[in-house]
Amino acid sequence: MALDDRTMPLLGHLEELRWRLVKALLAVVVAFVPTYAFVTTLFTLLLRPLHRLPDAPPIVGLAPTEAFFR
């Protein structure tokens, strides 16, 4: 039986917060792994409309880490 929010002690709220953060982090990791496996395909797919422009501007990397995620 779930406790009412008004009667839950502070440590109960903190534990609930901890488990929600753990679940959220796991969801990000689970989504990241298959997405990272197809990063080149996804990047090409996202840039397809840009390449269809008559005078397509070049893609410029402005952060030092951008070269590692291509």
PDB file of N, CA and C in Angstrom:
ATOM      1  N   MET A   1       0.835  -1.181   0.000  1.00  0.00           N
ATOM      2  CA  MET A   1       0.000   0.000   0.000  1.00  0.00           C
ATOM      3  C   MET A   1       0.873   1.234   0.000  1.00  0.00           C
ATOM      4  N   ALA A   2       0.637   2.167  -0.927  1.00  0.00           N
ATOM      5  CA  ALA A   2       1.432   3.379  -1.044  1.00  0.00           C
ATOM      6  C   ALA A   2       1.039   4.371   0.046  1.00  0.00           C
ATOM      7  N   LEU A   3       2.032   5.046   0.554  1.00  0.00           N
ATOM      8  CA  LEU A   3       1.769   6.077   1.553  1.00  0.00           C
ATOM      9  C   LEU A   3       1.260   7.339   0.889  1.00  0.00           C
ATOM     10  N   ASP A   4       0.450   8.057   1.606  1.00  0.00           N
ATOM     11  CA  ASP A   4      -0.031   9.346   1.116  1.00  0.00           C
ATOM     12  C   ASP A   4       1.140  10.329   1.147  1.00  0.00           C
ATOM     13  N   ASP A   5       1.219  11.233   0.171  1.00  0.00           N
ATOM     14  CA  ASP A   5       2.330  12.188   0.112  1.00  0.00           C
ATOM     15  C   ASP A   5       2.413  13.053   1.366  1.00  0.00           C
ATOM     16  N   ARG A   6       1.279  13.333   1.951  1.00  0.00           N
ATOM     17  CA  ARG A   6       1.280  14.202   3.131  1.00  0.00           C
ATOM     18  C   ARG A   6       1.821  13.485   4.355  1.00  0.00           C
ATOM     19  N   THR A   7       1.710  12.175   4.406  1.00  0.00           N
ATOM     20  CA  THR A   7       2.158  11.451   5.591  1.00  0.00           C
ATOM     21  C   THR A   7       3.504  10.775   5.401  1.00  0.00           C
ATOM     22  N   MET A   8       4.102  10.876   4.227  1.00  0.00           N
ATOM     23  CA  MET A   8       5.397  10.241   3.969  1.00  0.00           C
ATOM     24  C   MET A   8       6.498  11.075   4.632  1.00  0.00           C
ATOM     25  N   PRO A   9       7.369  10.436   5.369  1.00  0.00           N
ATOM     26  CA  PRO A   9       8.463  11.190   5.993  1.00  0.00           C
ATOM     27  C   PRO A   9       9.474  11.661   4.945  1.00  0.00           C
ATOM     28  N   LEU A  10      10.330  12.567   5.359  1.00  0.00           N
ATOM     29  CA  LEU A  10      11.314  13.147   4.449  1.00  0.00           C
ATOM     30  C   LEU A  10      12.203  12.078   3.825  1.00  0.00           C
ATOM     31  N   LEU A  11      12.649  11.125   4.604  1.00  0.00           N
ATOM     32  CA  LEU A  11      13.508  10.074   4.049  1.00  0.00           C
ATOM     33  C   LEU A  11      12.755   9.218   3.031  1.00  0.00           C
ATOM     34  N   GLY A  12      11.471   9.057   3.216  1.00  0.00           N
ATOM     35  CA  GLY A  12      10.667   8.340   2.234  1.00  0.00           C
ATOM     36  C   GLY A  12      10.624   9.089   0.912  1.00  0.00           C
ATOM     37  N   HIS A  13      10.494  10.408   0.976  1.00  0.00           N
ATOM     38  CA  HIS A  13      10.504  11.223  -0.243  1.00  0.00           C
ATOM     39  C   HIS A  13      11.868  11.154  -0.922  1.00  0.00           C
ATOM     40  N   LEU A  14      12.925  11.195  -0.140  1.00  0.00           N
ATOM     41  CA  LEU A  14      14.267  11.128  -0.717  1.00  0.00           C
ATOM     42  C   LEU A  14      14.528   9.776  -1.368  1.00  0.00           C
ATOM     43  N   GLU A  15      14.041   8.708  -0.761  1.00  0.00           N
ATOM     44  CA  GLU A  15      14.213   7.397  -1.359  1.00  0.00           C
ATOM     45  C   GLU A  15      13.417   7.274  -2.662  1.00  0.00           C
ATOM     46  N   GLU A  16      12.211   7.824  -2.664  1.00  0.00           N
ATOM     47  CA  GLU A  16      11.407   7.833  -3.891  1.00  0.00           C
ATOM     48  C   GLU A  16      12.110   8.621  -4.993  1.00  0.00           C
ATOM     49  N   LEU A  17      12.684   9.766  -4.624  1.00  0.00           N
ATOM     50  CA  LEU A  17      13.435  10.574  -5.588  1.00  0.00           C
ATOM     51  C   LEU A  17      14.633   9.804  -6.126  1.00  0.00           C
ATOM     52  N   ARG A  18      15.331   9.111  -5.252  1.00  0.00           N
ATOM     53  CA  ARG A  18      16.509   8.340  -5.683  1.00  0.00           C
ATOM     54  C   ARG A  18      16.120   7.275  -6.691  1.00  0.00           C
ATOM     55  N   TRP A  19      15.047   6.530  -6.430  1.00  0.00           N
ATOM     56  CA  TRP A  19      14.643   5.477  -7.356  1.00  0.00           C
ATOM     57  C   TRP A  19      14.151   6.043  -8.680  1.00  0.00           C
ATOM     58  N   ARG A  20      13.490   7.186  -8.645  1.00  0.00           N
ATOM     59  CA  ARG A  20      13.055   7.808  -9.906  1.00  0.00           C
ATOM     60  C   ARG A  20      14.249   8.280 -10.721  1.00  0.00           C
ATOM     61  N   LEU A  21      15.275   8.815 -10.048  1.00  0.00           N
ATOM     62  CA  LEU A  21      16.483   9.231 -10.759  1.00  0.00           C
ATOM     63  C   LEU A  21      17.224   8.030 -11.345  1.00  0.00           C
ATOM     64  N   VAL A  22      17.280   6.930 -10.618  1.00  0.00           N
ATOM     65  CA  VAL A  22      17.929   5.716 -11.122  1.00  0.00           C
ATOM     66  C   VAL A  22      17.187   5.196 -12.345  1.00  0.00           C
ATOM     67  N   LYS A  23      15.862   5.176 -12.285  1.00  0.00           N
ATOM     68  CA  LYS A  23      15.069   4.714 -13.430  1.00  0.00           C
ATOM     69  C   LYS A  23      15.260   5.631 -14.635  1.00  0.00           C
ATOM     70  N   ALA A  24      15.315   6.933 -14.402  1.00  0.00           N
ATOM     71  CA  ALA A  24      15.520   7.873 -15.502  1.00  0.00           C
ATOM     72  C   ALA A  24      16.902   7.682 -16.128  1.00  0.00           C
ATOM     73  N   LEU A  25      17.917   7.483 -15.316  1.00  0.00           N
ATOM     74  CA  LEU A  25      19.266   7.253 -15.830  1.00  0.00           C
ATOM     75  C   LEU A  25      19.334   5.950 -16.626  1.00  0.00           C
ATOM     76  N   LEU A  26      18.690   4.918 -16.139  1.00  0.00           N
ATOM     77  CA  LEU A  26      18.653   3.657 -16.881  1.00  0.00           C
ATOM     78  C   LEU A  26      17.934   3.817 -18.219  1.00  0.00           C
ATOM     79  N   ALA A  27      16.878   4.597 -18.250  1.00  0.00           N
ATOM     80  CA  ALA A  27      16.168   4.836 -19.504  1.00  0.00           C
ATOM     81  C   ALA A  27      17.058   5.560 -20.498  1.00  0.00           C
ATOM     82  N   VAL A  28      17.846   6.526 -20.026  1.00  0.00           N
ATOM     83  CA  VAL A  28      18.769   7.245 -20.917  1.00  0.00           C
ATOM     84  C   VAL A  28      19.839   6.297 -21.446  1.00  0.00           C
ATOM     85  N   VAL A  29      20.388   5.441 -20.595  1.00  0.00           N
ATOM     86  CA  VAL A  29      21.422   4.488 -21.023  1.00  0.00           C
ATOM     87  C   VAL A  29      20.851   3.496 -22.030  1.00  0.00           C
ATOM     88  N   VAL A  30      19.653   2.992 -21.762  1.00  0.00           N
ATOM     89  CA  VAL A  30      19.027   2.033 -22.674  1.00  0.00           C
ATOM     90  C   VAL A  30      18.743   2.677 -24.022  1.00  0.00           C
ATOM     91  N   ALA A  31      18.370   3.943 -24.044  1.00  0.00           N
ATOM     92  CA  ALA A  31      18.115   4.632 -25.311  1.00  0.00           C
ATOM     93  C   ALA A  31      19.420   5.017 -26.006  1.00  0.00           C
ATOM     94  N   PHE A  32      20.469   5.290 -25.238  1.00  0.00           N
ATOM     95  CA  PHE A  32      21.729   5.745 -25.812  1.00  0.00           C
ATOM     96  C   PHE A  32      22.455   4.630 -26.567  1.00  0.00           C
ATOM     97  N   VAL A  33      22.461   3.433 -26.039  1.00  0.00           N
ATOM     98  CA  VAL A  33      23.246   2.337 -26.621  1.00  0.00           C
ATOM     99  C   VAL A  33      22.831   2.039 -28.058  1.00  0.00           C
ATOM    100  N   PRO A  34      21.563   1.771 -28.359  1.00  0.00           N
ATOM    101  CA  PRO A  34      21.233   1.502 -29.768  1.00  0.00           C
ATOM    102  C   PRO A  34      21.352   2.736 -30.651  1.00  0.00           C
ATOM    103  N   THR A  35      21.097   3.900 -30.082  1.00  0.00           N
ATOM    104  CA  THR A  35      21.215   5.120 -30.877  1.00  0.00           C
ATOM    105  C   THR A  35      22.666   5.371 -31.265  1.00  0.00           C
ATOM    106  N   TYR A  36      23.594   5.147 -30.349  1.00  0.00           N
ATOM    107  CA  TYR A  36      25.004   5.370 -30.645  1.00  0.00           C
ATOM    108  C   TYR A  36      25.515   4.377 -31.685  1.00  0.00           C
ATOM    109  N   ALA A  37      24.933   3.203 -31.732  1.00  0.00           N
ATOM    110  CA  ALA A  37      25.351   2.212 -32.718  1.00  0.00           C
ATOM    111  C   ALA A  37      25.028   2.668 -34.143  1.00  0.00           C
ATOM    112  N   PHE A  38      23.990   3.485 -34.301  1.00  0.00           N
ATOM    113  CA  PHE A  38      23.572   3.958 -35.618  1.00  0.00           C
ATOM    114  C   PHE A  38      23.802   5.449 -35.793  1.00  0.00           C
ATOM    115  N   VAL A  39      24.816   5.998 -35.129  1.00  0.00           N
ATOM    116  CA  VAL A  39      25.025   7.445 -35.142  1.00  0.00           C
ATOM    117  C   VAL A  39      25.295   7.975 -36.558  1.00  0.00           C
ATOM    118  N   THR A  40      26.046   7.269 -37.348  1.00  0.00           N
ATOM    119  CA  THR A  40      26.352   7.738 -38.702  1.00  0.00           C
ATOM    120  C   THR A  40      25.101   7.748 -39.569  1.00  0.00           C
ATOM    121  N   THR A  41      24.318   6.711 -39.488  1.00  0.00           N
ATOM    122  CA  THR A  41      23.076   6.641 -40.257  1.00  0.00           C
ATOM    123  C   THR A  41      22.104   7.727 -39.832  1.00  0.00           C
ATOM    124  N   LEU A  42      21.969   7.934 -38.529  1.00  0.00           N
ATOM    125  CA  LEU A  42      21.067   8.975 -38.033  1.00  0.00           C
ATOM    126  C   LEU A  42      21.547  10.369 -38.425  1.00  0.00           C
ATOM    127  N   PHE A  43      22.852  10.599 -38.353  1.00  0.00           N
ATOM    128  CA  PHE A  43      23.407  11.896 -38.727  1.00  0.00           C
ATOM    129  C   PHE A  43      23.165  12.174 -40.211  1.00  0.00           C
ATOM    130  N   THR A  44      23.358  11.178 -41.045  1.00  0.00           N
ATOM    131  CA  THR A  44      23.100  11.325 -42.481  1.00  0.00           C
ATOM    132  C   THR A  44      21.625  11.598 -42.744  1.00  0.00           C
ATOM    133  N   LEU A  45      20.770  10.891 -42.048  1.00  0.00           N
ATOM    134  CA  LEU A  45      19.334  11.078 -42.202  1.00  0.00           C
ATOM    135  C   LEU A  45      18.904  12.483 -41.788  1.00  0.00           C
ATOM    136  N   LEU A  46      19.466  12.987 -40.714  1.00  0.00           N
ATOM    137  CA  LEU A  46      19.109  14.331 -40.248  1.00  0.00           C
ATOM    138  C   LEU A  46      19.657  15.429 -41.159  1.00  0.00           C
ATOM    139  N   LEU A  47      20.767  15.160 -41.836  1.00  0.00           N
ATOM    140  CA  LEU A  47      21.359  16.172 -42.717  1.00  0.00           C
ATOM    141  C   LEU A  47      20.822  16.118 -44.144  1.00  0.00           C
ATOM    142  N   ARG A  48      20.021  15.137 -44.470  1.00  0.00           N
ATOM    143  CA  ARG A  48      19.499  14.987 -45.826  1.00  0.00           C
ATOM    144  C   ARG A  48      18.762  16.237 -46.332  1.00  0.00           C
ATOM    145  N   PRO A  49      17.895  16.865 -45.542  1.00  0.00           N
ATOM    146  CA  PRO A  49      17.235  18.083 -46.042  1.00  0.00           C
ATOM    147  C   PRO A  49      18.222  19.222 -46.308  1.00  0.00           C
ATOM    148  N   LEU A  50      19.281  19.304 -45.526  1.00  0.00           N
ATOM    149  CA  LEU A  50      20.274  20.350 -45.745  1.00  0.00           C
ATOM    150  C   LEU A  50      21.011  20.138 -47.057  1.00  0.00           C
ATOM    151  N   HIS A  51      21.327  18.915 -47.399  1.00  0.00           N
ATOM    152  CA  HIS A  51      22.055  18.626 -48.624  1.00  0.00           C
ATOM    153  C   HIS A  51      21.198  18.821 -49.875  1.00  0.00           C
ATOM    154  N   ARG A  52      19.883  18.873 -49.726  1.00  0.00           N
ATOM    155  CA  ARG A  52      19.003  19.086 -50.875  1.00  0.00           C
ATOM    156  C   ARG A  52      18.907  20.558 -51.274  1.00  0.00           C
ATOM    157  N   LEU A  53      19.390  21.455 -50.443  1.00  0.00           N
ATOM    158  CA  LEU A  53      19.352  22.884 -50.774  1.00  0.00           C
ATOM    159  C   LEU A  53      20.303  23.177 -51.925  1.00  0.00           C
ATOM    160  N   PRO A  54      19.947  24.127 -52.782  1.00  0.00           N
ATOM    161  CA  PRO A  54      20.822  24.436 -53.918  1.00  0.00           C
ATOM    162  C   PRO A  54      22.201  24.941 -53.487  1.00  0.00           C
ATOM    163  N   ASP A  55      22.237  25.850 -52.541  1.00  0.00           N
ATOM    164  CA  ASP A  55      23.514  26.363 -52.030  1.00  0.00           C
ATOM    165  C   ASP A  55      23.654  25.934 -50.573  1.00  0.00           C
ATOM    166  N   ALA A  56      23.880  24.652 -50.362  1.00  0.00           N
ATOM    167  CA  ALA A  56      23.947  24.109 -49.008  1.00  0.00           C
ATOM    168  C   ALA A  56      25.171  24.657 -48.281  1.00  0.00           C
ATOM    169  N   PRO A  57      24.961  25.236 -47.110  1.00  0.00           N
ATOM    170  CA  PRO A  57      26.107  25.745 -46.344  1.00  0.00           C
ATOM    171  C   PRO A  57      26.921  24.583 -45.773  1.00  0.00           C
ATOM    172  N   PRO A  58      28.204  24.783 -45.547  1.00  0.00           N
ATOM    173  CA  PRO A  58      29.004  23.706 -44.951  1.00  0.00           C
ATOM    174  C   PRO A  58      28.642  23.522 -43.478  1.00  0.00           C
ATOM    175  N   ILE A  59      28.848  22.333 -43.002  1.00  0.00           N
ATOM    176  CA  ILE A  59      28.595  22.044 -41.591  1.00  0.00           C
ATOM    177  C   ILE A  59      29.870  22.378 -40.828  1.00  0.00           C
ATOM    178  N   VAL A  60      29.720  23.214 -39.814  1.00  0.00           N
ATOM    179  CA  VAL A  60      30.871  23.686 -39.051  1.00  0.00           C
ATOM    180  C   VAL A  60      30.769  23.176 -37.625  1.00  0.00           C
ATOM    181  N   GLY A  61      31.840  22.595 -37.122  1.00  0.00           N
ATOM    182  CA  GLY A  61      31.885  22.157 -35.731  1.00  0.00           C
ATOM    183  C   GLY A  61      32.483  23.261 -34.868  1.00  0.00           C
ATOM    184  N   LEU A  62      31.746  23.696 -33.878  1.00  0.00           N
ATOM    185  CA  LEU A  62      32.189  24.818 -33.054  1.00  0.00           C
ATOM    186  C   LEU A  62      32.722  24.407 -31.680  1.00  0.00           C
ATOM    187  N   ALA A  63      32.533  23.168 -31.306  1.00  0.00           N
ATOM    188  CA  ALA A  63      33.019  22.699 -30.016  1.00  0.00           C
ATOM    189  C   ALA A  63      34.128  21.669 -30.235  1.00  0.00           C
ATOM    190  N   PRO A  64      35.101  21.612 -29.363  1.00  0.00           N
ATOM    191  CA  PRO A  64      36.205  20.661 -29.534  1.00  0.00           C
ATOM    192  C   PRO A  64      35.769  19.198 -29.553  1.00  0.00           C
ATOM    193  N   THR A  65      34.689  18.864 -28.892  1.00  0.00           N
ATOM    194  CA  THR A  65      34.259  17.480 -28.812  1.00  0.00           C
ATOM    195  C   THR A  65      33.391  17.047 -29.993  1.00  0.00           C
ATOM    196  N   GLU A  66      32.990  17.953 -30.849  1.00  0.00           N
ATOM    197  CA  GLU A  66      32.096  17.604 -31.949  1.00  0.00           C
ATOM    198  C   GLU A  66      32.726  16.622 -32.920  1.00  0.00           C
ATOM    199  N   ALA A  67      34.027  16.648 -33.063  1.00  0.00           N
ATOM    200  CA  ALA A  67      34.686  15.729 -33.996  1.00  0.00           C
ATOM    201  C   ALA A  67      34.597  14.279 -33.502  1.00  0.00           C
ATOM    202  N   PHE A  68      34.445  14.067 -32.218  1.00  0.00           N
ATOM    203  CA  PHE A  68      34.384  12.716 -31.677  1.00  0.00           C
ATOM    204  C   PHE A  68      33.014  12.074 -31.830  1.00  0.00           C
ATOM    205  N   PHE A  69      31.996  12.874 -32.088  1.00  0.00           N
ATOM    206  CA  PHE A  69      30.639  12.356 -32.161  1.00  0.00           C
ATOM    207  C   PHE A  69      30.121  12.313 -33.561  1.00  0.00           C
ATOM    208  N   ARG A  70      30.959  12.178 -34.517  1.00  0.00           N
ATOM    209  CA  ARG A  70      30.551  12.119 -35.905  1.00  0.00           C
ATOM    210  C   ARG A  70      30.653  10.752 -36.450  1.00  0.00           C
TER     211      ARG A  70
END
